[in-house]
Amino acid sequence: MADTTNLDTKLADLKLFQNVLIECAQKLMAATDDGTIRERLEKMITSDRENLSSIDKVISQVGSTAQPRDIAQKHAEKVSQMMNGSELTLYDKFFQFELLKHQQTMNGLVIHKVAQSLDDKLQAAVEPLNKVNFENRAHQEVLKGVLYFVGTREMAGKEPDMGLWASIEQGIAALKGVVSSVAS
């Protein structure tokens, strides 16, 4: 089996930030009065918790005992400070959340590809990340819509065009179709 020290550490970082994403979504849910946004965040939290279990499964199958890097822990603390603080507007907080979700998606994709390139046993062990990555990508699409709604309200003081949710739902349905075909 290949030397997986770096991969183990990246998996520990991935788990750390999956927890941070759950915490951020909970804080954002409490900070918004919009029922539609709250509903989407609740679904995201449920999915993220399931994805955390998948990440734990991967870590267990790889046999990793690595801890997150110090820089990752500092980053996680900084994100938590921003989400708890009053310096950022709600739009800014959602924007930071979307950026973190993007980072998590890309890290998951890279870990999955690296494991595929190292050996077959490792590739099989990280396979559950495939679903996690697709779901995180779908969450990014939801967050684009949330940013549009929150940003329009915050910057223009107006209600945004409600037709956007329909196009977001179509995009998510397409991504879920891809996930289903990959999973089977």
N, C-alpha and C. Protein backbone atom coordinates (compact mmCIF):
# COMPACT_ATOMS: atom_id res chain seq x y z
N MET A 1 0.85 -1.19 0.00
CA MET A 1 0.00 0.00 0.00
C MET A 1 0.89 1.24 0.00
N ALA A 2 0.45 2.26 -0.64
CA ALA A 2 1.22 3.51 -0.76
C ALA A 2 1.30 4.24 0.57
N ASP A 3 2.30 5.12 0.71
CA ASP A 3 2.41 5.96 1.90
C ASP A 3 1.23 6.94 1.89
N THR A 4 0.39 6.84 2.89
CA THR A 4 -0.84 7.64 2.90
C THR A 4 -0.84 8.73 3.97
N THR A 5 0.33 9.09 4.48
CA THR A 5 0.39 10.09 5.55
C THR A 5 -0.30 11.39 5.15
N ASN A 6 0.04 11.94 3.99
CA ASN A 6 -0.60 13.18 3.53
C ASN A 6 -2.09 12.99 3.32
N LEU A 7 -2.46 11.88 2.73
CA LEU A 7 -3.87 11.59 2.49
C LEU A 7 -4.62 11.48 3.82
N ASP A 8 -4.02 10.82 4.79
CA ASP A 8 -4.66 10.69 6.11
C ASP A 8 -4.92 12.06 6.73
N THR A 9 -3.94 12.94 6.62
CA THR A 9 -4.08 14.29 7.18
C THR A 9 -5.17 15.06 6.45
N LYS A 10 -5.21 14.92 5.14
CA LYS A 10 -6.25 15.61 4.36
C LYS A 10 -7.64 15.07 4.72
N LEU A 11 -7.74 13.77 4.98
CA LEU A 11 -9.02 13.21 5.42
C LEU A 11 -9.42 13.78 6.78
N ALA A 12 -8.46 13.95 7.67
CA ALA A 12 -8.74 14.55 8.99
C ALA A 12 -9.22 15.99 8.81
N ASP A 13 -8.58 16.73 7.90
CA ASP A 13 -9.02 18.10 7.59
C ASP A 13 -10.44 18.09 7.03
N LEU A 14 -10.71 17.13 6.15
CA LEU A 14 -12.03 17.02 5.53
C LEU A 14 -13.10 16.81 6.60
N LYS A 15 -12.81 15.94 7.55
CA LYS A 15 -13.76 15.69 8.64
C LYS A 15 -13.97 16.95 9.48
N LEU A 16 -12.86 17.63 9.80
CA LEU A 16 -12.95 18.87 10.58
C LEU A 16 -13.88 19.87 9.90
N PHE A 17 -13.67 20.08 8.60
CA PHE A 17 -14.47 21.09 7.91
C PHE A 17 -15.90 20.63 7.65
N GLN A 18 -16.14 19.32 7.62
CA GLN A 18 -17.52 18.85 7.52
C GLN A 18 -18.27 19.25 8.78
N ASN A 19 -17.62 19.13 9.93
CA ASN A 19 -18.22 19.58 11.19
C ASN A 19 -18.43 21.08 11.20
N VAL A 20 -17.46 21.82 10.67
CA VAL A 20 -17.58 23.28 10.61
C VAL A 20 -18.76 23.67 9.72
N LEU A 21 -18.93 22.97 8.60
CA LEU A 21 -20.06 23.26 7.71
C LEU A 21 -21.40 23.05 8.43
N ILE A 22 -21.49 22.00 9.20
CA ILE A 22 -22.73 21.73 9.95
C ILE A 22 -22.99 22.86 10.96
N GLU A 23 -21.95 23.25 11.68
CA GLU A 23 -22.09 24.34 12.66
C GLU A 23 -22.49 25.65 11.98
N CYS A 24 -21.85 25.95 10.85
CA CYS A 24 -22.18 27.19 10.12
C CYS A 24 -23.63 27.18 9.65
N ALA A 25 -24.06 26.07 9.10
CA ALA A 25 -25.44 25.99 8.61
C ALA A 25 -26.43 26.18 9.76
N GLN A 26 -26.12 25.62 10.92
CA GLN A 26 -27.01 25.79 12.08
C GLN A 26 -27.08 27.25 12.50
N LYS A 27 -25.93 27.92 12.49
CA LYS A 27 -25.90 29.34 12.87
C LYS A 27 -26.65 30.20 11.85
N LEU A 28 -26.48 29.88 10.58
CA LEU A 28 -27.16 30.64 9.53
C LEU A 28 -28.67 30.40 9.58
N MET A 29 -29.05 29.18 9.91
CA MET A 29 -30.46 28.87 10.02
C MET A 29 -31.11 29.71 11.12
N ALA A 30 -30.39 29.86 12.21
CA ALA A 30 -30.91 30.65 13.32
C ALA A 30 -30.93 32.15 13.00
N ALA A 31 -30.09 32.56 12.06
CA ALA A 31 -29.94 33.99 11.74
C ALA A 31 -30.92 34.48 10.68
N THR A 32 -31.60 33.56 9.98
CA THR A 32 -32.51 33.99 8.90
C THR A 32 -33.96 33.74 9.28
N ASP A 33 -34.81 34.65 8.81
CA ASP A 33 -36.26 34.51 9.04
C ASP A 33 -36.96 33.88 7.84
N ASP A 34 -36.24 33.69 6.74
CA ASP A 34 -36.82 33.18 5.50
C ASP A 34 -37.07 31.67 5.63
N GLY A 35 -38.33 31.28 5.57
CA GLY A 35 -38.70 29.88 5.73
C GLY A 35 -38.12 28.97 4.66
N THR A 36 -38.07 29.45 3.43
CA THR A 36 -37.53 28.64 2.33
C THR A 36 -36.03 28.40 2.53
N ILE A 37 -35.32 29.43 2.90
CA ILE A 37 -33.88 29.29 3.14
C ILE A 37 -33.64 28.37 4.34
N ARG A 38 -34.42 28.54 5.38
CA ARG A 38 -34.28 27.68 6.55
C ARG A 38 -34.52 26.21 6.19
N GLU A 39 -35.53 25.97 5.37
CA GLU A 39 -35.84 24.60 4.93
C GLU A 39 -34.67 24.00 4.14
N ARG A 40 -34.09 24.78 3.26
CA ARG A 40 -32.96 24.30 2.47
C ARG A 40 -31.74 24.04 3.34
N LEU A 41 -31.52 24.91 4.32
CA LEU A 41 -30.40 24.69 5.25
C LEU A 41 -30.63 23.44 6.09
N GLU A 42 -31.86 23.21 6.51
CA GLU A 42 -32.18 22.01 7.30
C GLU A 42 -31.87 20.75 6.48
N LYS A 43 -32.25 20.74 5.21
CA LYS A 43 -31.94 19.59 4.34
C LYS A 43 -30.43 19.44 4.18
N MET A 44 -29.74 20.56 4.07
CA MET A 44 -28.30 20.54 3.92
C MET A 44 -27.64 19.96 5.18
N ILE A 45 -28.13 20.36 6.34
CA ILE A 45 -27.58 19.85 7.60
C ILE A 45 -27.78 18.34 7.69
N THR A 46 -28.96 17.88 7.34
CA THR A 46 -29.23 16.44 7.36
C THR A 46 -28.26 15.71 6.44
N SER A 47 -28.10 16.22 5.25
CA SER A 47 -27.18 15.63 4.28
C SER A 47 -25.74 15.69 4.78
N ASP A 48 -25.35 16.83 5.35
CA ASP A 48 -23.98 16.98 5.85
C ASP A 48 -23.69 16.02 7.00
N ARG A 49 -24.68 15.76 7.82
CA ARG A 49 -24.48 14.79 8.92
C ARG A 49 -24.29 13.38 8.36
N GLU A 50 -25.08 13.03 7.35
CA GLU A 50 -24.90 11.74 6.70
C GLU A 50 -23.53 11.67 6.03
N ASN A 51 -23.13 12.78 5.42
CA ASN A 51 -21.82 12.82 4.77
C ASN A 51 -20.69 12.72 5.78
N LEU A 52 -20.88 13.25 6.97
CA LEU A 52 -19.88 13.12 8.03
C LEU A 52 -19.69 11.64 8.37
N SER A 53 -20.79 10.90 8.42
CA SER A 53 -20.70 9.45 8.66
C SER A 53 -19.93 8.75 7.54
N SER A 54 -20.15 9.20 6.31
CA SER A 54 -19.41 8.63 5.18
C SER A 54 -17.92 8.93 5.28
N ILE A 55 -17.60 10.15 5.68
CA ILE A 55 -16.19 10.52 5.86
C ILE A 55 -15.57 9.68 6.98
N ASP A 56 -16.30 9.49 8.07
CA ASP A 56 -15.82 8.63 9.16
C ASP A 56 -15.57 7.21 8.67
N LYS A 57 -16.46 6.73 7.82
CA LYS A 57 -16.32 5.37 7.25
C LYS A 57 -15.05 5.29 6.42
N VAL A 58 -14.80 6.30 5.60
CA VAL A 58 -13.59 6.31 4.78
C VAL A 58 -12.35 6.31 5.67
N ILE A 59 -12.34 7.17 6.68
CA ILE A 59 -11.20 7.25 7.59
C ILE A 59 -10.96 5.90 8.26
N SER A 60 -12.02 5.24 8.67
CA SER A 60 -11.92 3.93 9.30
C SER A 60 -11.37 2.89 8.31
N GLN A 61 -11.89 2.89 7.09
CA GLN A 61 -11.45 1.92 6.09
C GLN A 61 -9.99 2.13 5.69
N VAL A 62 -9.57 3.38 5.67
CA VAL A 62 -8.17 3.69 5.35
C VAL A 62 -7.28 3.32 6.55
N GLY A 63 -7.86 3.31 7.74
CA GLY A 63 -7.10 3.00 8.94
C GLY A 63 -6.34 4.20 9.48
N SER A 64 -6.86 5.37 9.21
CA SER A 64 -6.18 6.61 9.59
C SER A 64 -6.47 6.99 11.04
N THR A 65 -5.43 7.49 11.70
CA THR A 65 -5.58 8.06 13.04
C THR A 65 -5.06 9.49 13.06
N ALA A 66 -4.83 10.06 11.88
CA ALA A 66 -4.27 11.41 11.76
C ALA A 66 -5.22 12.45 12.33
N GLN A 67 -4.66 13.53 12.77
CA GLN A 67 -5.41 14.68 13.27
C GLN A 67 -5.35 15.79 12.22
N PRO A 68 -6.31 16.71 12.24
CA PRO A 68 -6.25 17.84 11.30
C PRO A 68 -4.98 18.65 11.52
N ARG A 69 -4.50 19.25 10.47
CA ARG A 69 -3.32 20.11 10.58
C ARG A 69 -3.64 21.33 11.44
N ASP A 70 -2.60 21.89 12.04
CA ASP A 70 -2.78 23.09 12.87
C ASP A 70 -3.40 24.23 12.07
N ILE A 71 -2.93 24.42 10.84
CA ILE A 71 -3.46 25.50 10.00
C ILE A 71 -4.94 25.29 9.70
N ALA A 72 -5.35 24.03 9.53
CA ALA A 72 -6.76 23.73 9.29
C ALA A 72 -7.58 24.07 10.54
N GLN A 73 -7.05 23.74 11.71
CA GLN A 73 -7.76 24.05 12.95
C GLN A 73 -7.87 25.56 13.16
N LYS A 74 -6.81 26.29 12.82
CA LYS A 74 -6.86 27.75 12.93
C LYS A 74 -7.89 28.33 11.96
N HIS A 75 -7.92 27.79 10.75
CA HIS A 75 -8.90 28.24 9.76
C HIS A 75 -10.32 27.98 10.27
N ALA A 76 -10.54 26.80 10.82
CA ALA A 76 -11.87 26.45 11.35
C ALA A 76 -12.27 27.41 12.48
N GLU A 77 -11.33 27.75 13.33
CA GLU A 77 -11.61 28.69 14.41
C GLU A 77 -11.95 30.07 13.87
N LYS A 78 -11.24 30.50 12.83
CA LYS A 78 -11.48 31.81 12.22
C LYS A 78 -12.89 31.86 11.60
N VAL A 79 -13.26 30.78 10.92
CA VAL A 79 -14.60 30.71 10.33
C VAL A 79 -15.65 30.81 11.43
N SER A 80 -15.44 30.10 12.52
CA SER A 80 -16.39 30.13 13.63
C SER A 80 -16.49 31.54 14.21
N GLN A 81 -15.36 32.23 14.34
CA GLN A 81 -15.37 33.61 14.84
C GLN A 81 -16.18 34.51 13.91
N MET A 82 -15.97 34.35 12.60
CA MET A 82 -16.70 35.18 11.63
C MET A 82 -18.19 34.93 11.72
N MET A 83 -18.58 33.66 11.85
CA MET A 83 -20.00 33.32 11.90
C MET A 83 -20.65 33.79 13.20
N ASN A 84 -19.87 33.83 14.27
CA ASN A 84 -20.40 34.28 15.56
C ASN A 84 -20.36 35.80 15.71
N GLY A 85 -19.48 36.44 14.95
CA GLY A 85 -19.27 37.87 15.09
C GLY A 85 -20.34 38.72 14.43
N SER A 86 -20.20 40.02 14.60
CA SER A 86 -21.17 40.95 14.04
C SER A 86 -20.57 41.79 12.90
N GLU A 87 -19.31 41.53 12.55
CA GLU A 87 -18.67 42.32 11.49
C GLU A 87 -19.26 42.01 10.11
N LEU A 88 -19.67 40.77 9.90
CA LEU A 88 -20.20 40.38 8.60
C LEU A 88 -21.71 40.48 8.58
N THR A 89 -22.25 40.88 7.43
CA THR A 89 -23.69 40.87 7.24
C THR A 89 -24.14 39.43 7.00
N LEU A 90 -25.43 39.21 6.99
CA LEU A 90 -25.94 37.87 6.71
C LEU A 90 -25.48 37.40 5.33
N TYR A 91 -25.53 38.30 4.35
CA TYR A 91 -25.05 37.96 3.01
C TYR A 91 -23.59 37.55 3.05
N ASP A 92 -22.75 38.31 3.75
CA ASP A 92 -21.32 37.98 3.86
C ASP A 92 -21.12 36.60 4.50
N LYS A 93 -21.93 36.30 5.51
CA LYS A 93 -21.81 35.00 6.18
C LYS A 93 -22.20 33.86 5.24
N PHE A 94 -23.28 34.05 4.49
CA PHE A 94 -23.66 33.03 3.52
C PHE A 94 -22.58 32.88 2.45
N PHE A 95 -21.97 33.99 2.06
CA PHE A 95 -20.90 33.95 1.06
C PHE A 95 -19.71 33.15 1.59
N GLN A 96 -19.33 33.38 2.83
CA GLN A 96 -18.24 32.61 3.44
C GLN A 96 -18.60 31.13 3.54
N PHE A 97 -19.85 30.85 3.84
CA PHE A 97 -20.33 29.47 3.92
C PHE A 97 -20.22 28.79 2.56
N GLU A 98 -20.62 29.50 1.50
CA GLU A 98 -20.52 28.94 0.15
C GLU A 98 -19.07 28.69 -0.22
N LEU A 99 -18.19 29.59 0.13
CA LEU A 99 -16.75 29.40 -0.16
C LEU A 99 -16.21 28.17 0.57
N LEU A 100 -16.62 28.00 1.80
CA LEU A 100 -16.18 26.83 2.57
C LEU A 100 -16.74 25.54 1.97
N LYS A 101 -17.97 25.60 1.51
CA LYS A 101 -18.59 24.43 0.86
C LYS A 101 -17.82 24.10 -0.42
N HIS A 102 -17.43 25.13 -1.17
CA HIS A 102 -16.64 24.93 -2.39
C HIS A 102 -15.29 24.28 -2.04
N GLN A 103 -14.65 24.80 -1.01
CA GLN A 103 -13.36 24.23 -0.58
C GLN A 103 -13.52 22.76 -0.21
N GLN A 104 -14.58 22.44 0.52
CA GLN A 104 -14.82 21.06 0.93
C GLN A 104 -15.06 20.16 -0.28
N THR A 105 -15.81 20.65 -1.24
CA THR A 105 -16.06 19.88 -2.46
C THR A 105 -14.76 19.59 -3.19
N MET A 106 -13.96 20.62 -3.39
CA MET A 106 -12.71 20.45 -4.13
C MET A 106 -11.73 19.55 -3.38
N ASN A 107 -11.63 19.70 -2.06
CA ASN A 107 -10.75 18.82 -1.28
C ASN A 107 -11.20 17.37 -1.40
N GLY A 108 -12.50 17.14 -1.31
CA GLY A 108 -13.02 15.79 -1.44
C GLY A 108 -12.74 15.19 -2.81
N LEU A 109 -12.91 16.00 -3.86
CA LEU A 109 -12.63 15.52 -5.21
C LEU A 109 -11.16 15.17 -5.39
N VAL A 110 -10.28 16.02 -4.88
CA VAL A 110 -8.84 15.77 -5.02
C VAL A 110 -8.44 14.52 -4.22
N ILE A 111 -8.92 14.40 -2.99
CA ILE A 111 -8.62 13.21 -2.19
C ILE A 111 -9.06 11.95 -2.93
N HIS A 112 -10.25 11.99 -3.49
CA HIS A 112 -10.79 10.83 -4.21
C HIS A 112 -9.89 10.48 -5.40
N LYS A 113 -9.50 11.48 -6.17
CA LYS A 113 -8.65 11.25 -7.35
C LYS A 113 -7.26 10.76 -6.95
N VAL A 114 -6.69 11.33 -5.90
CA VAL A 114 -5.36 10.90 -5.44
C VAL A 114 -5.42 9.44 -5.00
N ALA A 115 -6.44 9.08 -4.24
CA ALA A 115 -6.58 7.70 -3.79
C ALA A 115 -6.70 6.75 -4.98
N GLN A 116 -7.43 7.16 -6.00
CA GLN A 116 -7.55 6.34 -7.21
C GLN A 116 -6.19 6.11 -7.85
N SER A 117 -5.33 7.10 -7.78
CA SER A 117 -4.03 6.99 -8.43
C SER A 117 -3.02 6.20 -7.61
N LEU A 118 -3.29 5.99 -6.32
CA LEU A 118 -2.31 5.31 -5.47
C LEU A 118 -2.42 3.79 -5.53
N ASP A 119 -3.58 3.26 -5.24
CA ASP A 119 -3.75 1.80 -5.37
C ASP A 119 -5.23 1.42 -5.28
N ASP A 120 -5.53 0.20 -5.73
CA ASP A 120 -6.92 -0.26 -5.82
C ASP A 120 -7.60 -0.37 -4.46
N LYS A 121 -6.85 -0.82 -3.45
CA LYS A 121 -7.42 -0.97 -2.12
C LYS A 121 -7.84 0.38 -1.55
N LEU A 122 -6.98 1.35 -1.74
CA LEU A 122 -7.26 2.71 -1.28
C LEU A 122 -8.42 3.31 -2.06
N GLN A 123 -8.46 3.04 -3.34
CA GLN A 123 -9.55 3.54 -4.18
C GLN A 123 -10.89 3.03 -3.66
N ALA A 124 -10.95 1.76 -3.32
CA ALA A 124 -12.19 1.19 -2.79
C ALA A 124 -12.55 1.81 -1.44
N ALA A 125 -11.54 2.08 -0.63
CA ALA A 125 -11.78 2.64 0.71
C ALA A 125 -12.38 4.03 0.65
N VAL A 126 -11.97 4.83 -0.34
CA VAL A 126 -12.46 6.22 -0.40
C VAL A 126 -13.69 6.38 -1.29
N GLU A 127 -14.20 5.31 -1.84
CA GLU A 127 -15.34 5.40 -2.75
C GLU A 127 -16.54 6.15 -2.16
N PRO A 128 -16.85 6.03 -0.85
CA PRO A 128 -17.98 6.79 -0.30
C PRO A 128 -17.83 8.32 -0.46
N LEU A 129 -16.60 8.79 -0.66
CA LEU A 129 -16.41 10.24 -0.86
C LEU A 129 -17.07 10.72 -2.15
N ASN A 130 -17.23 9.83 -3.11
CA ASN A 130 -17.85 10.21 -4.37
C ASN A 130 -19.23 10.82 -4.14
N LYS A 131 -20.04 10.17 -3.33
CA LYS A 131 -21.38 10.66 -3.01
C LYS A 131 -21.30 11.97 -2.22
N VAL A 132 -20.39 12.03 -1.27
CA VAL A 132 -20.20 13.24 -0.47
C VAL A 132 -19.88 14.43 -1.38
N ASN A 133 -18.97 14.20 -2.33
CA ASN A 133 -18.55 15.27 -3.24
C ASN A 133 -19.71 15.76 -4.11
N PHE A 134 -20.50 14.83 -4.63
CA PHE A 134 -21.64 15.23 -5.45
C PHE A 134 -22.68 16.00 -4.63
N GLU A 135 -22.91 15.57 -3.41
CA GLU A 135 -23.89 16.27 -2.57
C GLU A 135 -23.38 17.65 -2.19
N ASN A 136 -22.10 17.76 -1.89
CA ASN A 136 -21.55 19.08 -1.59
C ASN A 136 -21.66 19.99 -2.81
N ARG A 137 -21.47 19.44 -3.98
CA ARG A 137 -21.62 20.23 -5.21
C ARG A 137 -23.07 20.69 -5.37
N ALA A 138 -24.02 19.83 -5.06
CA ALA A 138 -25.44 20.21 -5.12
C ALA A 138 -25.74 21.31 -4.10
N HIS A 139 -25.12 21.23 -2.94
CA HIS A 139 -25.31 22.27 -1.92
C HIS A 139 -24.80 23.62 -2.42
N GLN A 140 -23.72 23.61 -3.19
CA GLN A 140 -23.21 24.85 -3.75
C GLN A 140 -24.27 25.51 -4.63
N GLU A 141 -24.99 24.71 -5.40
CA GLU A 141 -26.04 25.26 -6.26
C GLU A 141 -27.15 25.90 -5.43
N VAL A 142 -27.52 25.24 -4.35
CA VAL A 142 -28.52 25.81 -3.45
C VAL A 142 -28.02 27.14 -2.88
N LEU A 143 -26.77 27.15 -2.48
CA LEU A 143 -26.20 28.35 -1.87
C LEU A 143 -26.10 29.50 -2.86
N LYS A 144 -25.94 29.22 -4.13
CA LYS A 144 -25.96 30.29 -5.15
C LYS A 144 -27.30 31.00 -5.09
N GLY A 145 -28.36 30.23 -5.01
CA GLY A 145 -29.70 30.83 -4.92
C GLY A 145 -29.89 31.60 -3.63
N VAL A 146 -29.40 31.03 -2.54
CA VAL A 146 -29.51 31.71 -1.24
C VAL A 146 -28.77 33.05 -1.31
N LEU A 147 -27.57 33.04 -1.89
CA LEU A 147 -26.81 34.28 -2.02
C LEU A 147 -27.57 35.31 -2.83
N TYR A 148 -28.21 34.86 -3.89
CA TYR A 148 -28.99 35.76 -4.73
C TYR A 148 -30.13 36.39 -3.91
N PHE A 149 -30.85 35.56 -3.16
CA PHE A 149 -31.99 36.05 -2.39
C PHE A 149 -31.55 36.98 -1.27
N VAL A 150 -30.59 36.52 -0.47
CA VAL A 150 -30.13 37.31 0.67
C VAL A 150 -29.45 38.59 0.17
N GLY A 151 -28.64 38.47 -0.87
CA GLY A 151 -27.93 39.63 -1.41
C GLY A 151 -28.87 40.67 -1.98
N THR A 152 -29.90 40.22 -2.71
CA THR A 152 -30.86 41.15 -3.28
C THR A 152 -31.60 41.90 -2.18
N ARG A 153 -32.01 41.17 -1.17
CA ARG A 153 -32.72 41.82 -0.05
C ARG A 153 -31.81 42.81 0.67
N GLU A 154 -30.57 42.39 0.89
CA GLU A 154 -29.65 43.23 1.66
C GLU A 154 -29.18 44.45 0.88
N MET A 155 -28.90 44.27 -0.40
CA MET A 155 -28.33 45.37 -1.19
C MET A 155 -29.39 46.26 -1.82
N ALA A 156 -30.50 45.66 -2.25
CA ALA A 156 -31.51 46.45 -2.96
C ALA A 156 -32.74 46.74 -2.10
N GLY A 157 -32.88 46.01 -1.01
CA GLY A 157 -34.05 46.20 -0.17
C GLY A 157 -35.33 45.72 -0.83
N LYS A 158 -35.18 44.82 -1.81
CA LYS A 158 -36.33 44.29 -2.55
C LYS A 158 -36.34 42.77 -2.49
N GLU A 159 -37.52 42.24 -2.80
CA GLU A 159 -37.63 40.79 -2.91
C GLU A 159 -37.11 40.35 -4.28
N PRO A 160 -36.33 39.28 -4.33
CA PRO A 160 -35.80 38.79 -5.60
C PRO A 160 -36.85 38.03 -6.41
N ASP A 161 -36.53 37.76 -7.65
CA ASP A 161 -37.38 37.00 -8.55
C ASP A 161 -37.50 35.56 -8.04
N MET A 162 -38.70 35.13 -7.74
CA MET A 162 -38.92 33.79 -7.18
C MET A 162 -38.69 32.68 -8.20
N GLY A 163 -38.65 32.98 -9.48
CA GLY A 163 -38.41 31.97 -10.50
C GLY A 163 -37.04 31.33 -10.40
N LEU A 164 -36.13 31.97 -9.69
CA LEU A 164 -34.78 31.41 -9.56
C LEU A 164 -34.79 30.08 -8.82
N TRP A 165 -35.65 29.95 -7.79
CA TRP A 165 -35.69 28.69 -7.04
C TRP A 165 -36.02 27.52 -7.97
N ALA A 166 -36.90 27.74 -8.95
CA ALA A 166 -37.25 26.66 -9.87
C ALA A 166 -36.04 26.20 -10.67
N SER A 167 -35.24 27.15 -11.15
CA SER A 167 -34.06 26.75 -11.92
C SER A 167 -33.02 26.08 -11.03
N ILE A 168 -32.94 26.48 -9.78
CA ILE A 168 -32.02 25.84 -8.85
C ILE A 168 -32.47 24.40 -8.60
N GLU A 169 -33.76 24.22 -8.40
CA GLU A 169 -34.30 22.88 -8.18
C GLU A 169 -34.03 21.97 -9.39
N GLN A 170 -34.13 22.51 -10.60
CA GLN A 170 -33.82 21.72 -11.80
C GLN A 170 -32.35 21.30 -11.81
N GLY A 171 -31.47 22.23 -11.46
CA GLY A 171 -30.04 21.93 -11.41
C GLY A 171 -29.73 20.87 -10.38
N ILE A 172 -30.37 20.94 -9.23
CA ILE A 172 -30.14 19.96 -8.17
C ILE A 172 -30.68 18.60 -8.60
N ALA A 173 -31.82 18.57 -9.24
CA ALA A 173 -32.38 17.31 -9.73
C ALA A 173 -31.43 16.65 -10.72
N ALA A 174 -30.83 17.46 -11.59
CA ALA A 174 -29.87 16.91 -12.55
C ALA A 174 -28.65 16.34 -11.83
N LEU A 175 -28.15 17.05 -10.83
CA LEU A 175 -27.00 16.54 -10.06
C LEU A 175 -27.36 15.26 -9.31
N LYS A 176 -28.57 15.19 -8.76
CA LYS A 176 -28.99 13.99 -8.04
C LYS A 176 -29.10 12.81 -9.00
N GLY A 177 -29.49 13.08 -10.23
CA GLY A 177 -29.53 12.02 -11.24
C GLY A 177 -28.14 11.47 -11.51
N VAL A 178 -27.18 12.34 -11.56
CA VAL A 178 -25.79 11.92 -11.76
C VAL A 178 -25.33 11.10 -10.57
N VAL A 179 -25.64 11.56 -9.35
CA VAL A 179 -25.24 10.84 -8.15
C VAL A 179 -25.85 9.45 -8.15
N SER A 180 -27.12 9.34 -8.49
CA SER A 180 -27.80 8.04 -8.51
C SER A 180 -27.15 7.09 -9.51
N SER A 181 -26.81 7.61 -10.68
CA SER A 181 -26.20 6.74 -11.68
C SER A 181 -24.79 6.34 -11.29
N VAL A 182 -24.05 7.22 -10.62
CA VAL A 182 -22.70 6.90 -10.16
C VAL A 182 -22.76 5.88 -9.03
N ALA A 183 -23.74 6.05 -8.13
CA ALA A 183 -23.85 5.17 -6.97
C ALA A 183 -24.28 3.76 -7.36
N SER A 184 -24.98 3.61 -8.47
CA SER A 184 -25.47 2.27 -8.83
C SER A 184 -24.61 1.59 -9.84
